[in-house]
Amino acid sequence: MLEASGRFDTFETAVRYQFYHALALLAVGILLQAKPEMRELGTVSWMWLIGVILFSGSLYTLCFTGITKLGAVAPIGGLALIAGWIALLWAARQL
């Protein structure tokens, strides 16, 4: 089990990544309203949503339950977050 300070650091990381990507999702949603022809932004949104659920969700589960096996899901969520940023760069070529 993680000690209390380790759990707090892990929780803080999960919240930070969730917060940053929530703001980024809002920005993408606003951009999609302004430019509905940019269909790639839908892919960006889905990748970030999946990434936040897997990354932050696994870290939250780790913090609240102490089950360390679920921590292995976090890198998959991190890859989805990175893939979303790459998809955003790909979509930005249309601007």
PDB file of N, CA and C in Angstrom:
ATOM      1  N   MET A   1       0.839  -1.189   0.000  1.00  0.00           N
ATOM      2  CA  MET A   1       0.000   0.000   0.000  1.00  0.00           C
ATOM      3  C   MET A   1       0.875   1.240   0.000  1.00  0.00           C
ATOM      4  N   LEU A   2       0.349   2.247  -0.603  1.00  0.00           N
ATOM      5  CA  LEU A   2       1.065   3.512  -0.627  1.00  0.00           C
ATOM      6  C   LEU A   2       0.917   4.224   0.701  1.00  0.00           C
ATOM      7  N   GLU A   3       1.932   4.936   1.080  1.00  0.00           N
ATOM      8  CA  GLU A   3       1.805   5.741   2.290  1.00  0.00           C
ATOM      9  C   GLU A   3       0.986   6.985   1.964  1.00  0.00           C
ATOM     10  N   ALA A   4       0.587   7.716   2.990  1.00  0.00           N
ATOM     11  CA  ALA A   4      -0.323   8.851   2.819  1.00  0.00           C
ATOM     12  C   ALA A   4       0.238   9.919   1.900  1.00  0.00           C
ATOM     13  N   SER A   5       1.511  10.284   2.027  1.00  0.00           N
ATOM     14  CA  SER A   5       2.055  11.340   1.170  1.00  0.00           C
ATOM     15  C   SER A   5       2.176  10.859  -0.268  1.00  0.00           C
ATOM     16  N   GLY A   6       2.491   9.569  -0.464  1.00  0.00           N
ATOM     17  CA  GLY A   6       2.554   9.010  -1.808  1.00  0.00           C
ATOM     18  C   GLY A   6       1.196   8.997  -2.472  1.00  0.00           C
ATOM     19  N   ARG A   7       0.182   8.699  -1.683  1.00  0.00           N
ATOM     20  CA  ARG A   7      -1.177   8.727  -2.229  1.00  0.00           C
ATOM     21  C   ARG A   7      -1.593  10.139  -2.601  1.00  0.00           C
ATOM     22  N   PHE A   8      -1.212  11.101  -1.791  1.00  0.00           N
ATOM     23  CA  PHE A   8      -1.564  12.489  -2.100  1.00  0.00           C
ATOM     24  C   PHE A   8      -0.869  12.937  -3.371  1.00  0.00           C
ATOM     25  N   ASP A   9       0.393  12.603  -3.541  1.00  0.00           N
ATOM     26  CA  ASP A   9       1.115  12.976  -4.760  1.00  0.00           C
ATOM     27  C   ASP A   9       0.485  12.329  -5.988  1.00  0.00           C
ATOM     28  N   THR A  10       0.103  11.079  -5.867  1.00  0.00           N
ATOM     29  CA  THR A  10      -0.542  10.371  -6.972  1.00  0.00           C
ATOM     30  C   THR A  10      -1.896  10.993  -7.279  1.00  0.00           C
ATOM     31  N   PHE A  11      -2.653  11.300  -6.248  1.00  0.00           N
ATOM     32  CA  PHE A  11      -3.953  11.940  -6.433  1.00  0.00           C
ATOM     33  C   PHE A  11      -3.784  13.296  -7.111  1.00  0.00           C
ATOM     34  N   GLU A  12      -2.787  14.067  -6.669  1.00  0.00           N
ATOM     35  CA  GLU A  12      -2.539  15.385  -7.251  1.00  0.00           C
ATOM     36  C   GLU A  12      -2.186  15.271  -8.736  1.00  0.00           C
ATOM     37  N   THR A  13      -1.406  14.284  -9.099  1.00  0.00           N
ATOM     38  CA  THR A  13      -1.063  14.061 -10.506  1.00  0.00           C
ATOM     39  C   THR A  13      -2.309  13.744 -11.321  1.00  0.00           C
ATOM     40  N   ALA A  14      -3.164  12.877 -10.807  1.00  0.00           N
ATOM     41  CA  ALA A  14      -4.395  12.518 -11.509  1.00  0.00           C
ATOM     42  C   ALA A  14      -5.290  13.736 -11.712  1.00  0.00           C
ATOM     43  N   VAL A  15      -5.432  14.542 -10.674  1.00  0.00           N
ATOM     44  CA  VAL A  15      -6.275  15.740 -10.770  1.00  0.00           C
ATOM     45  C   VAL A  15      -5.688  16.729 -11.774  1.00  0.00           C
ATOM     46  N   ARG A  16      -4.378  16.920 -11.729  1.00  0.00           N
ATOM     47  CA  ARG A  16      -3.717  17.871 -12.621  1.00  0.00           C
ATOM     48  C   ARG A  16      -3.940  17.486 -14.093  1.00  0.00           C
ATOM     49  N   TYR A  17      -3.712  16.224 -14.422  1.00  0.00           N
ATOM     50  CA  TYR A  17      -3.886  15.794 -15.809  1.00  0.00           C
ATOM     51  C   TYR A  17      -5.350  15.860 -16.232  1.00  0.00           C
ATOM     52  N   GLN A  18      -6.252  15.509 -15.338  1.00  0.00           N
ATOM     53  CA  GLN A  18      -7.669  15.602 -15.652  1.00  0.00           C
ATOM     54  C   GLN A  18      -8.067  17.060 -15.898  1.00  0.00           C
ATOM     55  N   PHE A  19      -7.582  17.958 -15.067  1.00  0.00           N
ATOM     56  CA  PHE A  19      -7.911  19.375 -15.192  1.00  0.00           C
ATOM     57  C   PHE A  19      -7.386  19.953 -16.509  1.00  0.00           C
ATOM     58  N   TYR A  20      -6.114  19.692 -16.818  1.00  0.00           N
ATOM     59  CA  TYR A  20      -5.534  20.233 -18.054  1.00  0.00           C
ATOM     60  C   TYR A  20      -6.283  19.726 -19.282  1.00  0.00           C
ATOM     61  N   HIS A  21      -6.620  18.461 -19.277  1.00  0.00           N
ATOM     62  CA  HIS A  21      -7.291  17.915 -20.451  1.00  0.00           C
ATOM     63  C   HIS A  21      -8.766  18.306 -20.505  1.00  0.00           C
ATOM     64  N   ALA A  22      -9.367  18.593 -19.367  1.00  0.00           N
ATOM     65  CA  ALA A  22     -10.738  19.123 -19.388  1.00  0.00           C
ATOM     66  C   ALA A  22     -10.753  20.506 -20.032  1.00  0.00           C
ATOM     67  N   LEU A  23      -9.781  21.332 -19.681  1.00  0.00           N
ATOM     68  CA  LEU A  23      -9.689  22.649 -20.315  1.00  0.00           C
ATOM     69  C   LEU A  23      -9.409  22.521 -21.807  1.00  0.00           C
ATOM     70  N   ALA A  24      -8.514  21.615 -22.166  1.00  0.00           N
ATOM     71  CA  ALA A  24      -8.198  21.404 -23.572  1.00  0.00           C
ATOM     72  C   ALA A  24      -9.427  20.891 -24.331  1.00  0.00           C
ATOM     73  N   LEU A  25     -10.222  20.019 -23.696  1.00  0.00           N
ATOM     74  CA  LEU A  25     -11.445  19.531 -24.330  1.00  0.00           C
ATOM     75  C   LEU A  25     -12.447  20.655 -24.553  1.00  0.00           C
ATOM     76  N   LEU A  26     -12.541  21.569 -23.602  1.00  0.00           N
ATOM     77  CA  LEU A  26     -13.422  22.729 -23.796  1.00  0.00           C
ATOM     78  C   LEU A  26     -12.961  23.567 -24.978  1.00  0.00           C
ATOM     79  N   ALA A  27     -11.659  23.790 -25.083  1.00  0.00           N
ATOM     80  CA  ALA A  27     -11.125  24.568 -26.197  1.00  0.00           C
ATOM     81  C   ALA A  27     -11.383  23.870 -27.529  1.00  0.00           C
ATOM     82  N   VAL A  28     -11.208  22.562 -27.563  1.00  0.00           N
ATOM     83  CA  VAL A  28     -11.464  21.806 -28.798  1.00  0.00           C
ATOM     84  C   VAL A  28     -12.952  21.856 -29.146  1.00  0.00           C
ATOM     85  N   GLY A  29     -13.807  21.782 -28.143  1.00  0.00           N
ATOM     86  CA  GLY A  29     -15.239  21.877 -28.393  1.00  0.00           C
ATOM     87  C   GLY A  29     -15.634  23.229 -28.972  1.00  0.00           C
ATOM     88  N   ILE A  30     -15.038  24.285 -28.458  1.00  0.00           N
ATOM     89  CA  ILE A  30     -15.303  25.628 -28.986  1.00  0.00           C
ATOM     90  C   ILE A  30     -14.800  25.738 -30.417  1.00  0.00           C
ATOM     91  N   LEU A  31     -13.600  25.206 -30.666  1.00  0.00           N
ATOM     92  CA  LEU A  31     -13.039  25.230 -32.019  1.00  0.00           C
ATOM     93  C   LEU A  31     -13.892  24.404 -32.977  1.00  0.00           C
ATOM     94  N   LEU A  32     -14.406  23.278 -32.511  1.00  0.00           N
ATOM     95  CA  LEU A  32     -15.260  22.441 -33.350  1.00  0.00           C
ATOM     96  C   LEU A  32     -16.575  23.131 -33.682  1.00  0.00           C
ATOM     97  N   GLN A  33     -17.084  23.949 -32.763  1.00  0.00           N
ATOM     98  CA  GLN A  33     -18.294  24.722 -33.060  1.00  0.00           C
ATOM     99  C   GLN A  33     -18.022  25.772 -34.125  1.00  0.00           C
ATOM    100  N   ALA A  34     -16.829  26.375 -34.062  1.00  0.00           N
ATOM    101  CA  ALA A  34     -16.473  27.404 -35.031  1.00  0.00           C
ATOM    102  C   ALA A  34     -16.111  26.812 -36.391  1.00  0.00           C
ATOM    103  N   LYS A  35     -15.495  25.630 -36.388  1.00  0.00           N
ATOM    104  CA  LYS A  35     -15.055  24.984 -37.628  1.00  0.00           C
ATOM    105  C   LYS A  35     -15.529  23.534 -37.644  1.00  0.00           C
ATOM    106  N   PRO A  36     -16.811  23.308 -37.918  1.00  0.00           N
ATOM    107  CA  PRO A  36     -17.342  21.939 -37.883  1.00  0.00           C
ATOM    108  C   PRO A  36     -16.753  21.027 -38.952  1.00  0.00           C
ATOM    109  N   GLU A  37     -16.103  21.589 -39.960  1.00  0.00           N
ATOM    110  CA  GLU A  37     -15.505  20.755 -41.002  1.00  0.00           C
ATOM    111  C   GLU A  37     -14.241  20.044 -40.525  1.00  0.00           C
ATOM    112  N   MET A  38     -13.728  20.428 -39.374  1.00  0.00           N
ATOM    113  CA  MET A  38     -12.514  19.794 -38.828  1.00  0.00           C
ATOM    114  C   MET A  38     -12.897  18.531 -38.055  1.00  0.00           C
ATOM    115  N   ARG A  39     -13.219  17.489 -38.768  1.00  0.00           N
ATOM    116  CA  ARG A  39     -13.685  16.244 -38.154  1.00  0.00           C
ATOM    117  C   ARG A  39     -12.607  15.557 -37.321  1.00  0.00           C
ATOM    118  N   GLU A  40     -11.336  15.863 -37.586  1.00  0.00           N
ATOM    119  CA  GLU A  40     -10.253  15.250 -36.814  1.00  0.00           C
ATOM    120  C   GLU A  40     -10.325  15.631 -35.341  1.00  0.00           C
ATOM    121  N   LEU A  41     -10.972  16.746 -35.040  1.00  0.00           N
ATOM    122  CA  LEU A  41     -11.086  17.165 -33.646  1.00  0.00           C
ATOM    123  C   LEU A  41     -11.931  16.187 -32.822  1.00  0.00           C
ATOM    124  N   GLY A  42     -12.812  15.470 -33.487  1.00  0.00           N
ATOM    125  CA  GLY A  42     -13.572  14.428 -32.796  1.00  0.00           C
ATOM    126  C   GLY A  42     -12.652  13.318 -32.304  1.00  0.00           C
ATOM    127  N   THR A  43     -11.675  12.967 -33.139  1.00  0.00           N
ATOM    128  CA  THR A  43     -10.691  11.960 -32.741  1.00  0.00           C
ATOM    129  C   THR A  43      -9.877  12.450 -31.553  1.00  0.00           C
ATOM    130  N   VAL A  44      -9.488  13.721 -31.598  1.00  0.00           N
ATOM    131  CA  VAL A  44      -8.740  14.315 -30.486  1.00  0.00           C
ATOM    132  C   VAL A  44      -9.543  14.195 -29.201  1.00  0.00           C
ATOM    133  N   SER A  45     -10.809  14.560 -29.267  1.00  0.00           N
ATOM    134  CA  SER A  45     -11.668  14.521 -28.083  1.00  0.00           C
ATOM    135  C   SER A  45     -11.799  13.112 -27.525  1.00  0.00           C
ATOM    136  N   TRP A  46     -12.008  12.138 -28.394  1.00  0.00           N
ATOM    137  CA  TRP A  46     -12.148  10.757 -27.929  1.00  0.00           C
ATOM    138  C   TRP A  46     -10.856  10.241 -27.318  1.00  0.00           C
ATOM    139  N   MET A  47      -9.717  10.558 -27.931  1.00  0.00           N
ATOM    140  CA  MET A  47      -8.442  10.097 -27.385  1.00  0.00           C
ATOM    141  C   MET A  47      -8.206  10.690 -26.001  1.00  0.00           C
ATOM    142  N   TRP A  48      -8.497  11.975 -25.850  1.00  0.00           N
ATOM    143  CA  TRP A  48      -8.322  12.608 -24.540  1.00  0.00           C
ATOM    144  C   TRP A  48      -9.287  12.047 -23.512  1.00  0.00           C
ATOM    145  N   LEU A  49     -10.521  11.809 -23.908  1.00  0.00           N
ATOM    146  CA  LEU A  49     -11.499  11.258 -22.982  1.00  0.00           C
ATOM    147  C   LEU A  49     -11.068   9.866 -22.506  1.00  0.00           C
ATOM    148  N   ILE A  50     -10.685   9.026 -23.440  1.00  0.00           N
ATOM    149  CA  ILE A  50     -10.211   7.687 -23.087  1.00  0.00           C
ATOM    150  C   ILE A  50      -8.962   7.782 -22.218  1.00  0.00           C
ATOM    151  N   GLY A  51      -8.052   8.684 -22.581  1.00  0.00           N
ATOM    152  CA  GLY A  51      -6.821   8.853 -21.826  1.00  0.00           C
ATOM    153  C   GLY A  51      -7.060   9.299 -20.404  1.00  0.00           C
ATOM    154  N   VAL A  52      -7.956  10.254 -20.224  1.00  0.00           N
ATOM    155  CA  VAL A  52      -8.248  10.745 -18.875  1.00  0.00           C
ATOM    156  C   VAL A  52      -8.914   9.658 -18.035  1.00  0.00           C
ATOM    157  N   ILE A  53      -9.837   8.930 -18.644  1.00  0.00           N
ATOM    158  CA  ILE A  53     -10.509   7.861 -17.899  1.00  0.00           C
ATOM    159  C   ILE A  53      -9.503   6.797 -17.472  1.00  0.00           C
ATOM    160  N   LEU A  54      -8.643   6.380 -18.394  1.00  0.00           N
ATOM    161  CA  LEU A  54      -7.687   5.327 -18.057  1.00  0.00           C
ATOM    162  C   LEU A  54      -6.567   5.833 -17.151  1.00  0.00           C
ATOM    163  N   PHE A  55      -6.000   6.992 -17.479  1.00  0.00           N
ATOM    164  CA  PHE A  55      -4.868   7.492 -16.706  1.00  0.00           C
ATOM    165  C   PHE A  55      -5.307   7.972 -15.327  1.00  0.00           C
ATOM    166  N   SER A  56      -6.147   8.981 -15.303  1.00  0.00           N
ATOM    167  CA  SER A  56      -6.578   9.532 -14.015  1.00  0.00           C
ATOM    168  C   SER A  56      -7.418   8.523 -13.241  1.00  0.00           C
ATOM    169  N   GLY A  57      -8.274   7.804 -13.946  1.00  0.00           N
ATOM    170  CA  GLY A  57      -9.118   6.820 -13.271  1.00  0.00           C
ATOM    171  C   GLY A  57      -8.311   5.738 -12.574  1.00  0.00           C
ATOM    172  N   SER A  58      -7.271   5.256 -13.241  1.00  0.00           N
ATOM    173  CA  SER A  58      -6.448   4.224 -12.600  1.00  0.00           C
ATOM    174  C   SER A  58      -5.686   4.793 -11.412  1.00  0.00           C
ATOM    175  N   LEU A  59      -5.244   6.044 -11.515  1.00  0.00           N
ATOM    176  CA  LEU A  59      -4.552   6.657 -10.381  1.00  0.00           C
ATOM    177  C   LEU A  59      -5.503   6.920  -9.220  1.00  0.00           C
ATOM    178  N   TYR A  60      -6.736   7.354  -9.519  1.00  0.00           N
ATOM    179  CA  TYR A  60      -7.726   7.536  -8.457  1.00  0.00           C
ATOM    180  C   TYR A  60      -8.010   6.199  -7.764  1.00  0.00           C
ATOM    181  N   THR A  61      -8.171   5.158  -8.558  1.00  0.00           N
ATOM    182  CA  THR A  61      -8.423   3.838  -7.988  1.00  0.00           C
ATOM    183  C   THR A  61      -7.265   3.394  -7.114  1.00  0.00           C
ATOM    184  N   LEU A  62      -6.058   3.647  -7.587  1.00  0.00           N
ATOM    185  CA  LEU A  62      -4.866   3.313  -6.808  1.00  0.00           C
ATOM    186  C   LEU A  62      -4.858   4.051  -5.470  1.00  0.00           C
ATOM    187  N   CYS A  63      -5.214   5.332  -5.509  1.00  0.00           N
ATOM    188  CA  CYS A  63      -5.217   6.137  -4.279  1.00  0.00           C
ATOM    189  C   CYS A  63      -6.274   5.679  -3.284  1.00  0.00           C
ATOM    190  N   PHE A  64      -7.471   5.419  -3.777  1.00  0.00           N
ATOM    191  CA  PHE A  64      -8.583   5.140  -2.877  1.00  0.00           C
ATOM    192  C   PHE A  64      -8.663   3.694  -2.415  1.00  0.00           C
ATOM    193  N   THR A  65      -8.135   2.775  -3.220  1.00  0.00           N
ATOM    194  CA  THR A  65      -8.243   1.368  -2.846  1.00  0.00           C
ATOM    195  C   THR A  65      -6.902   0.756  -2.467  1.00  0.00           C
ATOM    196  N   GLY A  66      -5.821   1.325  -2.967  1.00  0.00           N
ATOM    197  CA  GLY A  66      -4.502   0.757  -2.710  1.00  0.00           C
ATOM    198  C   GLY A  66      -4.173  -0.414  -3.605  1.00  0.00           C
ATOM    199  N   ILE A  67      -5.030  -0.718  -4.576  1.00  0.00           N
ATOM    200  CA  ILE A  67      -4.775  -1.826  -5.503  1.00  0.00           C
ATOM    201  C   ILE A  67      -3.733  -1.368  -6.514  1.00  0.00           C
ATOM    202  N   THR A  68      -2.533  -1.864  -6.392  1.00  0.00           N
ATOM    203  CA  THR A  68      -1.427  -1.393  -7.238  1.00  0.00           C
ATOM    204  C   THR A  68      -1.445  -2.008  -8.629  1.00  0.00           C
ATOM    205  N   LYS A  69      -2.137  -3.113  -8.819  1.00  0.00           N
ATOM    206  CA  LYS A  69      -2.189  -3.748 -10.142  1.00  0.00           C
ATOM    207  C   LYS A  69      -2.854  -2.856 -11.174  1.00  0.00           C
ATOM    208  N   LEU A  70      -3.779  -2.013 -10.752  1.00  0.00           N
ATOM    209  CA  LEU A  70      -4.453  -1.115 -11.689  1.00  0.00           C
ATOM    210  C   LEU A  70      -3.558   0.033 -12.131  1.00  0.00           C
ATOM    211  N   GLY A  71      -2.454   0.225 -11.437  1.00  0.00           N
ATOM    212  CA  GLY A  71      -1.502   1.246 -11.856  1.00  0.00           C
ATOM    213  C   GLY A  71      -0.888   0.944 -13.204  1.00  0.00           C
ATOM    214  N   ALA A  72      -0.946  -0.315 -13.633  1.00  0.00           N
ATOM    215  CA  ALA A  72      -0.414  -0.702 -14.934  1.00  0.00           C
ATOM    216  C   ALA A  72      -1.269  -0.169 -16.087  1.00  0.00           C
ATOM    217  N   VAL A  73      -2.476   0.285 -15.794  1.00  0.00           N
ATOM    218  CA  VAL A  73      -3.361   0.839 -16.828  1.00  0.00           C
ATOM    219  C   VAL A  73      -2.979   2.289 -17.142  1.00  0.00           C
ATOM    220  N   ALA A  74      -2.349   2.968 -16.201  1.00  0.00           N
ATOM    221  CA  ALA A  74      -2.009   4.384 -16.376  1.00  0.00           C
ATOM    222  C   ALA A  74      -1.159   4.650 -17.616  1.00  0.00           C
ATOM    223  N   PRO A  75      -0.152   3.841 -17.939  1.00  0.00           N
ATOM    224  CA  PRO A  75       0.621   4.121 -19.151  1.00  0.00           C
ATOM    225  C   PRO A  75      -0.206   4.033 -20.432  1.00  0.00           C
ATOM    226  N   ILE A  76      -1.208   3.160 -20.446  1.00  0.00           N
ATOM    227  CA  ILE A  76      -2.076   3.066 -21.624  1.00  0.00           C
ATOM    228  C   ILE A  76      -2.874   4.361 -21.768  1.00  0.00           C
ATOM    229  N   GLY A  77      -3.362   4.872 -20.644  1.00  0.00           N
ATOM    230  CA  GLY A  77      -4.066   6.155 -20.666  1.00  0.00           C
ATOM    231  C   GLY A  77      -3.140   7.284 -21.079  1.00  0.00           C
ATOM    232  N   GLY A  78      -1.901   7.240 -20.603  1.00  0.00           N
ATOM    233  CA  GLY A  78      -0.924   8.254 -20.995  1.00  0.00           C
ATOM    234  C   GLY A  78      -0.657   8.224 -22.489  1.00  0.00           C
ATOM    235  N   LEU A  79      -0.587   7.035 -23.060  1.00  0.00           N
ATOM    236  CA  LEU A  79      -0.401   6.920 -24.512  1.00  0.00           C
ATOM    237  C   LEU A  79      -1.596   7.497 -25.273  1.00  0.00           C
ATOM    238  N   ALA A  80      -2.790   7.282 -24.745  1.00  0.00           N
ATOM    239  CA  ALA A  80      -3.985   7.850 -25.383  1.00  0.00           C
ATOM    240  C   ALA A  80      -3.960   9.374 -25.310  1.00  0.00           C
ATOM    241  N   LEU A  81      -3.492   9.928 -24.196  1.00  0.00           N
ATOM    242  CA  LEU A  81      -3.381  11.382 -24.082  1.00  0.00           C
ATOM    243  C   LEU A  81      -2.372  11.923 -25.090  1.00  0.00           C
ATOM    244  N   ILE A  82      -1.234  11.263 -25.205  1.00  0.00           N
ATOM    245  CA  ILE A  82      -0.211  11.689 -26.167  1.00  0.00           C
ATOM    246  C   ILE A  82      -0.745  11.565 -27.591  1.00  0.00           C
ATOM    247  N   ALA A  83      -1.449  10.470 -27.873  1.00  0.00           N
ATOM    248  CA  ALA A  83      -2.037  10.289 -29.202  1.00  0.00           C
ATOM    249  C   ALA A  83      -3.037  11.404 -29.509  1.00  0.00           C
ATOM    250  N   GLY A  84      -3.772  11.848 -28.505  1.00  0.00           N
ATOM    251  CA  GLY A  84      -4.697  12.966 -28.708  1.00  0.00           C
ATOM    252  C   GLY A  84      -3.973  14.251 -29.072  1.00  0.00           C
ATOM    253  N   TRP A  85      -2.839  14.509 -28.428  1.00  0.00           N
ATOM    254  CA  TRP A  85      -2.068  15.711 -28.754  1.00  0.00           C
ATOM    255  C   TRP A  85      -1.480  15.610 -30.163  1.00  0.00           C
ATOM    256  N   ILE A  86      -1.038  14.437 -30.549  1.00  0.00           N
ATOM    257  CA  ILE A  86      -0.530  14.249 -31.915  1.00  0.00           C
ATOM    258  C   ILE A  86      -1.661  14.441 -32.916  1.00  0.00           C
ATOM    259  N   ALA A  87      -2.844  13.909 -32.609  1.00  0.00           N
ATOM    260  CA  ALA A  87      -4.006  14.104 -33.481  1.00  0.00           C
ATOM    261  C   ALA A  87      -4.378  15.578 -33.581  1.00  0.00           C
ATOM    262  N   LEU A  88      -4.209  16.319 -32.491  1.00  0.00           N
ATOM    263  CA  LEU A  88      -4.479  17.762 -32.532  1.00  0.00           C
ATOM    264  C   LEU A  88      -3.502  18.469 -33.463  1.00  0.00           C
ATOM    265  N   LEU A  89      -2.230  18.096 -33.385  1.00  0.00           N
ATOM    266  CA  LEU A  89      -1.251  18.674 -34.304  1.00  0.00           C
ATOM    267  C   LEU A  89      -1.589  18.338 -35.748  1.00  0.00           C
ATOM    268  N   TRP A  90      -2.045  17.109 -35.972  1.00  0.00           N
ATOM    269  CA  TRP A  90      -2.445  16.695 -37.308  1.00  0.00           C
ATOM    270  C   TRP A  90      -3.648  17.507 -37.793  1.00  0.00           C
ATOM    271  N   ALA A  91      -4.599  17.746 -36.899  1.00  0.00           N
ATOM    272  CA  ALA A  91      -5.784  18.527 -37.254  1.00  0.00           C
ATOM    273  C   ALA A  91      -5.444  19.992 -37.473  1.00  0.00           C
ATOM    274  N   ALA A  92      -4.417  20.474 -36.774  1.00  0.00           N
ATOM    275  CA  ALA A  92      -4.035  21.890 -36.883  1.00  0.00           C
ATOM    276  C   ALA A  92      -3.492  22.227 -38.266  1.00  0.00           C
ATOM    277  N   ARG A  93      -3.084  21.249 -39.032  1.00  0.00           N
ATOM    278  CA  ARG A  93      -2.565  21.542 -40.366  1.00  0.00           C
ATOM    279  C   ARG A  93      -3.650  22.118 -41.275  1.00  0.00           C
ATOM    280  N   GLN A  94      -4.916  21.960 -40.901  1.00  0.00           N
ATOM    281  CA  GLN A  94      -6.020  22.515 -41.684  1.00  0.00           C
ATOM    282  C   GLN A  94      -6.252  23.999 -41.413  1.00  0.00           C
ATOM    283  N   LEU A  95      -5.690  24.499 -40.334  1.00  0.00           N
ATOM    284  CA  LEU A  95      -5.953  25.907 -39.985  1.00  0.00           C
ATOM    285  C   LEU A  95      -5.198  26.861 -40.851  1.00  0.00           C
TER     286      LEU A  95
END
